[in-house]
Amino acid sequence: MNENWIKYAEDFTSDESEVLRELRRDCYAHYEDSSMLSGFFQGRVLSMLSQMIRPKVVLEIGTYLGYSALCFAEGLADGGKVITLDIQEDTNNVARSFVEKTEYNDRIEFHLGNALEIIPTLSETFDLVFIDADKPNYSNYYNLVFDLVRPGGFVIADNVLWSGKVLLEEKDEDTNALNEFNQMVRADTRVSNVLFPIRDGLMIVHKTDR
C-alpha cells in the first residue's frame, strides 16, 4: 500500500496503551530483529479481533517481547487468559517484565520451551490460537492445535505473505513452508478462511461448527 495511505489509516486508528508504546519503542531501539514485533497497526487489528471474539482462552505460539499477547489480552472474556509459548529465554524475560506493568499480569501465562512438546501437555480448549513462530512448523502447529480449538473458534497465522516471497517461483525453506501452509488451509473443508494483506499477511481461519 501507498505509505501515505498507511499513515492515514494509522492516524485514524485508536491509540495503543502506554506500556505497549514503551515496549514498541524499546524493541525498535534495541533489537535487530524488531520486524518480528506485531507493531502498532497490526497490534490494534489483533486487539480488535480479540474484542470481537471475546475469547476465554487464547493460545499464542511465539511470544517474542509480549506485544501481541498484551493485544489479545485486551479482548479476553471475564476470567479469560492468554497462554503464550516461546523458546527464547532472553526475550521471554523482557516480555514478562512488560506484562508485569499491566493489569493483565495474572491473565497471561508464560511457557518456555519447544511448542511442539508443550502443546500436547495443555488441557484447555482454545477459542483463539495465534501462530507466529518458526515458519517450517506452521503446518505442524496448525495440525497439532486444531482439535483443541472449539467449534466456532479461530486460528490466526502471521507472516503468511512473507514480504511477497510466496509469489516467487523459487522459494527458500521458510517461504515454501508458508506457501504450503496457505495451500493446506485453503483446502481444509473444516474451516473458512480469509488472508488479510495487513503488514506481512494475516491468515484468519474460522473452524466451522460441523
Protein backbone atom coordinates (compact mmCIF):
# COMPACT_ATOMS: atom_id res chain seq x y z
CA MET A 1 0.00 0.00 0.00
CA ASN A 2 0.98 3.60 -0.51
CA GLU A 3 2.83 4.80 2.62
CA ASN A 4 0.59 7.85 2.85
CA TRP A 5 -2.49 5.60 2.92
CA ILE A 6 -0.94 3.52 5.68
CA LYS A 7 -0.13 6.62 7.73
CA TYR A 8 -3.67 7.90 7.23
CA ALA A 9 -5.06 4.55 8.43
CA GLU A 10 -2.80 4.65 11.48
CA ASP A 11 -3.74 8.26 12.24
CA PHE A 12 -7.41 7.25 12.36
CA THR A 13 -6.87 4.16 14.50
CA SER A 14 -7.32 4.13 18.29
CA ASP A 15 -4.16 4.53 20.34
CA GLU A 16 -2.29 1.68 21.98
CA SER A 17 -1.64 1.66 25.73
CA GLU A 18 1.38 3.45 27.18
CA VAL A 19 3.01 0.12 28.08
CA LEU A 20 2.62 -1.14 24.51
CA ARG A 21 4.06 2.13 23.22
CA GLU A 22 7.02 1.80 25.58
CA LEU A 23 7.55 -1.85 24.55
CA ARG A 24 7.44 -0.98 20.87
CA ARG A 25 9.92 1.86 21.22
CA ASP A 26 12.26 -0.32 23.28
CA CYS A 27 12.10 -3.05 20.64
CA TYR A 28 12.85 -0.73 17.72
CA ALA A 29 15.71 0.90 19.63
CA HIS A 30 17.49 -2.24 20.87
CA TYR A 31 16.58 -5.29 18.74
CA GLU A 32 17.92 -6.00 15.28
CA ASP A 33 15.02 -8.41 14.71
CA SER A 34 12.41 -5.77 15.57
CA SER A 35 10.42 -6.73 12.45
CA MET A 36 9.22 -9.71 14.49
CA LEU A 37 7.09 -7.36 16.61
CA SER A 38 3.47 -7.08 15.52
CA GLY A 39 3.70 -3.29 15.64
CA PHE A 40 1.09 -0.60 16.17
CA PHE A 41 -1.41 -1.15 13.35
CA GLN A 42 -1.35 -4.94 13.33
CA GLY A 43 -1.47 -4.89 17.12
CA ARG A 44 -4.65 -2.82 17.00
CA VAL A 45 -6.11 -5.30 14.49
CA LEU A 46 -5.29 -8.24 16.79
CA SER A 47 -6.78 -6.39 19.74
CA MET A 48 -9.94 -5.63 17.78
CA LEU A 49 -10.30 -9.26 16.66
CA SER A 50 -9.92 -10.37 20.27
CA GLN A 51 -12.54 -7.86 21.40
CA MET A 52 -14.91 -9.17 18.74
CA ILE A 53 -14.32 -12.85 19.61
CA ARG A 54 -14.15 -12.31 23.40
CA PRO A 55 -12.06 -15.46 23.94
CA LYS A 56 -11.88 -17.26 27.25
CA VAL A 57 -8.57 -18.91 26.37
CA VAL A 58 -6.04 -17.73 23.78
CA LEU A 59 -3.03 -19.82 22.81
CA GLU A 60 -0.14 -17.87 21.32
CA ILE A 61 2.72 -19.77 19.69
CA GLY A 62 5.62 -17.33 19.65
CA THR A 63 5.79 -14.73 22.44
CA TYR A 64 8.78 -12.63 21.36
CA LEU A 65 8.53 -9.50 23.56
CA GLY A 66 4.90 -9.97 24.59
CA TYR A 67 3.36 -7.24 22.44
CA SER A 68 0.76 -9.41 20.71
CA ALA A 69 -0.05 -11.29 23.93
CA LEU A 70 -0.96 -7.97 25.53
CA CYS A 71 -3.06 -7.05 22.50
CA PHE A 72 -5.03 -10.29 22.74
CA ALA A 73 -5.45 -9.83 26.50
CA GLU A 74 -7.36 -6.60 25.84
CA GLY A 75 -10.28 -8.60 24.44
CA LEU A 76 -10.44 -11.50 26.88
CA ALA A 77 -13.77 -12.54 28.35
CA ASP A 78 -14.14 -12.17 32.12
CA GLY A 79 -11.79 -14.65 33.78
CA GLY A 80 -10.06 -15.40 30.48
CA LYS A 81 -6.35 -15.89 29.90
CA VAL A 82 -3.62 -15.92 27.26
CA ILE A 83 -1.23 -18.88 27.23
CA THR A 84 1.90 -17.89 25.35
CA LEU A 85 4.75 -20.18 24.30
CA ASP A 86 8.31 -19.36 23.32
CA ILE A 87 11.72 -20.97 23.29
CA GLN A 88 13.93 -17.87 23.74
CA GLU A 89 14.64 -17.17 27.41
CA ASP A 90 16.14 -13.70 26.97
CA THR A 91 13.22 -12.18 25.08
CA ASN A 92 10.79 -14.09 27.31
CA ASN A 93 12.21 -12.34 30.35
CA VAL A 94 11.66 -8.99 28.66
CA ALA A 95 8.08 -9.95 27.80
CA ARG A 96 7.40 -10.89 31.42
CA SER A 97 8.82 -7.58 32.65
CA PHE A 98 6.46 -5.57 30.43
CA VAL A 99 3.42 -7.72 31.23
CA GLU A 100 4.11 -7.17 34.94
CA LYS A 101 3.48 -3.45 34.37
CA THR A 102 -0.09 -4.07 33.20
CA GLU A 103 -3.45 -5.11 34.56
CA TYR A 104 -3.09 -8.38 32.62
CA ASN A 105 -0.20 -9.72 34.69
CA ASP A 106 -2.30 -12.51 36.20
CA ARG A 107 -4.04 -13.28 32.91
CA ILE A 108 -1.01 -14.05 30.72
CA GLU A 109 0.60 -17.44 31.34
CA PHE A 110 4.13 -17.96 30.03
CA HIS A 111 5.59 -21.32 28.98
CA LEU A 112 9.24 -21.58 27.97
CA GLY A 113 10.28 -24.46 25.74
CA ASN A 114 9.54 -26.28 22.49
CA ALA A 115 5.94 -25.56 21.48
CA LEU A 116 5.61 -28.93 19.73
CA GLU A 117 6.32 -30.57 23.08
CA ILE A 118 4.32 -28.17 25.25
CA ILE A 119 1.05 -28.11 23.29
CA PRO A 120 0.20 -31.81 23.91
CA THR A 121 0.50 -31.16 27.66
CA LEU A 122 -2.12 -28.38 27.67
CA SER A 123 -5.61 -29.35 28.82
CA GLU A 124 -7.50 -26.22 27.77
CA THR A 125 -9.90 -25.76 24.87
CA PHE A 126 -8.94 -22.70 22.85
CA ASP A 127 -11.19 -20.01 21.45
CA LEU A 128 -8.33 -18.39 19.56
CA VAL A 129 -4.88 -19.58 18.52
CA PHE A 130 -2.19 -17.24 17.16
CA ILE A 131 0.69 -18.82 15.22
CA ASP A 132 3.75 -16.59 14.93
CA ALA A 133 6.82 -18.78 15.40
CA ASP A 134 9.30 -20.73 13.24
CA LYS A 135 7.87 -20.89 9.74
CA PRO A 136 8.76 -24.52 8.81
CA ASN A 137 6.49 -25.71 11.64
CA TYR A 138 3.39 -23.65 10.78
CA SER A 139 1.56 -26.65 9.34
CA ASN A 140 2.66 -28.80 12.29
CA TYR A 141 1.36 -26.24 14.78
CA TYR A 142 -1.94 -25.96 12.90
CA ASN A 143 -2.47 -29.71 12.86
CA LEU A 144 -1.43 -30.05 16.48
CA VAL A 145 -3.84 -27.42 17.83
CA PHE A 146 -6.79 -27.96 15.51
CA ASP A 147 -8.67 -30.47 17.67
CA LEU A 148 -8.02 -28.26 20.71
CA VAL A 149 -9.85 -25.31 19.11
CA ARG A 150 -13.54 -25.20 19.97
CA PRO A 151 -16.06 -25.43 17.12
CA GLY A 152 -16.58 -21.84 16.02
CA GLY A 153 -13.12 -20.86 17.24
CA PHE A 154 -10.34 -19.16 15.31
CA VAL A 155 -6.74 -19.67 14.26
CA ILE A 156 -4.70 -16.66 13.14
CA ALA A 157 -1.31 -17.07 11.46
CA ASP A 158 1.10 -14.19 10.94
CA ASN A 159 3.63 -13.55 8.12
CA VAL A 160 1.78 -15.65 5.54
CA LEU A 161 2.75 -13.28 2.69
CA TRP A 162 6.40 -13.26 3.79
CA SER A 163 7.21 -9.92 2.12
CA GLY A 164 5.65 -11.22 -1.09
CA LYS A 165 8.17 -14.06 -1.41
CA VAL A 166 5.33 -16.61 -1.51
CA LEU A 167 4.81 -15.47 -5.12
CA LEU A 168 8.33 -16.37 -6.22
CA GLU A 169 8.84 -19.46 -8.34
CA GLU A 170 11.95 -20.47 -6.42
CA LYS A 171 11.32 -20.46 -2.67
CA ASP A 172 13.61 -20.96 0.30
CA GLU A 173 12.61 -23.25 3.18
CA ASP A 174 10.62 -20.68 5.14
CA THR A 175 8.81 -19.36 2.08
CA ASN A 176 7.97 -22.84 0.84
CA ALA A 177 6.64 -23.78 4.27
CA LEU A 178 4.39 -20.73 4.39
CA ASN A 179 3.11 -21.34 0.86
CA GLU A 180 2.32 -24.95 1.75
CA PHE A 181 0.57 -23.77 4.91
CA ASN A 182 -1.59 -21.36 2.93
CA GLN A 183 -2.49 -24.10 0.47
CA MET A 184 -3.33 -26.51 3.28
CA VAL A 185 -5.65 -24.03 4.98
CA ARG A 186 -7.40 -23.17 1.72
CA ALA A 187 -8.04 -26.88 1.05
CA ASP A 188 -9.27 -27.63 4.59
CA THR A 189 -13.01 -28.30 4.36
CA ARG A 190 -13.37 -27.97 8.14
CA VAL A 191 -12.75 -24.22 8.03
CA SER A 192 -13.46 -20.98 6.23
CA ASN A 193 -10.62 -18.51 5.85
CA VAL A 194 -9.52 -15.14 4.59
CA LEU A 195 -5.99 -13.89 4.04
CA PHE A 196 -5.74 -10.27 5.12
CA PRO A 197 -2.99 -8.32 3.31
CA ILE A 198 -2.19 -6.47 6.53
CA ARG A 199 1.51 -5.81 7.13
CA ASP A 200 3.13 -9.20 6.32
CA GLY A 201 -0.15 -11.08 5.88
CA LEU A 202 -2.62 -12.46 8.45
CA MET A 203 -4.42 -15.72 7.73
CA ILE A 204 -7.71 -15.74 9.63
CA VAL A 205 -9.18 -19.24 9.96
CA HIS A 206 -12.66 -19.95 11.34
CA LYS A 207 -13.30 -23.51 12.48
CA THR A 208 -16.83 -24.36 11.43
CA ASP A 209 -19.39 -25.82 13.83
CA ARG A 210 -19.77 -29.05 11.86
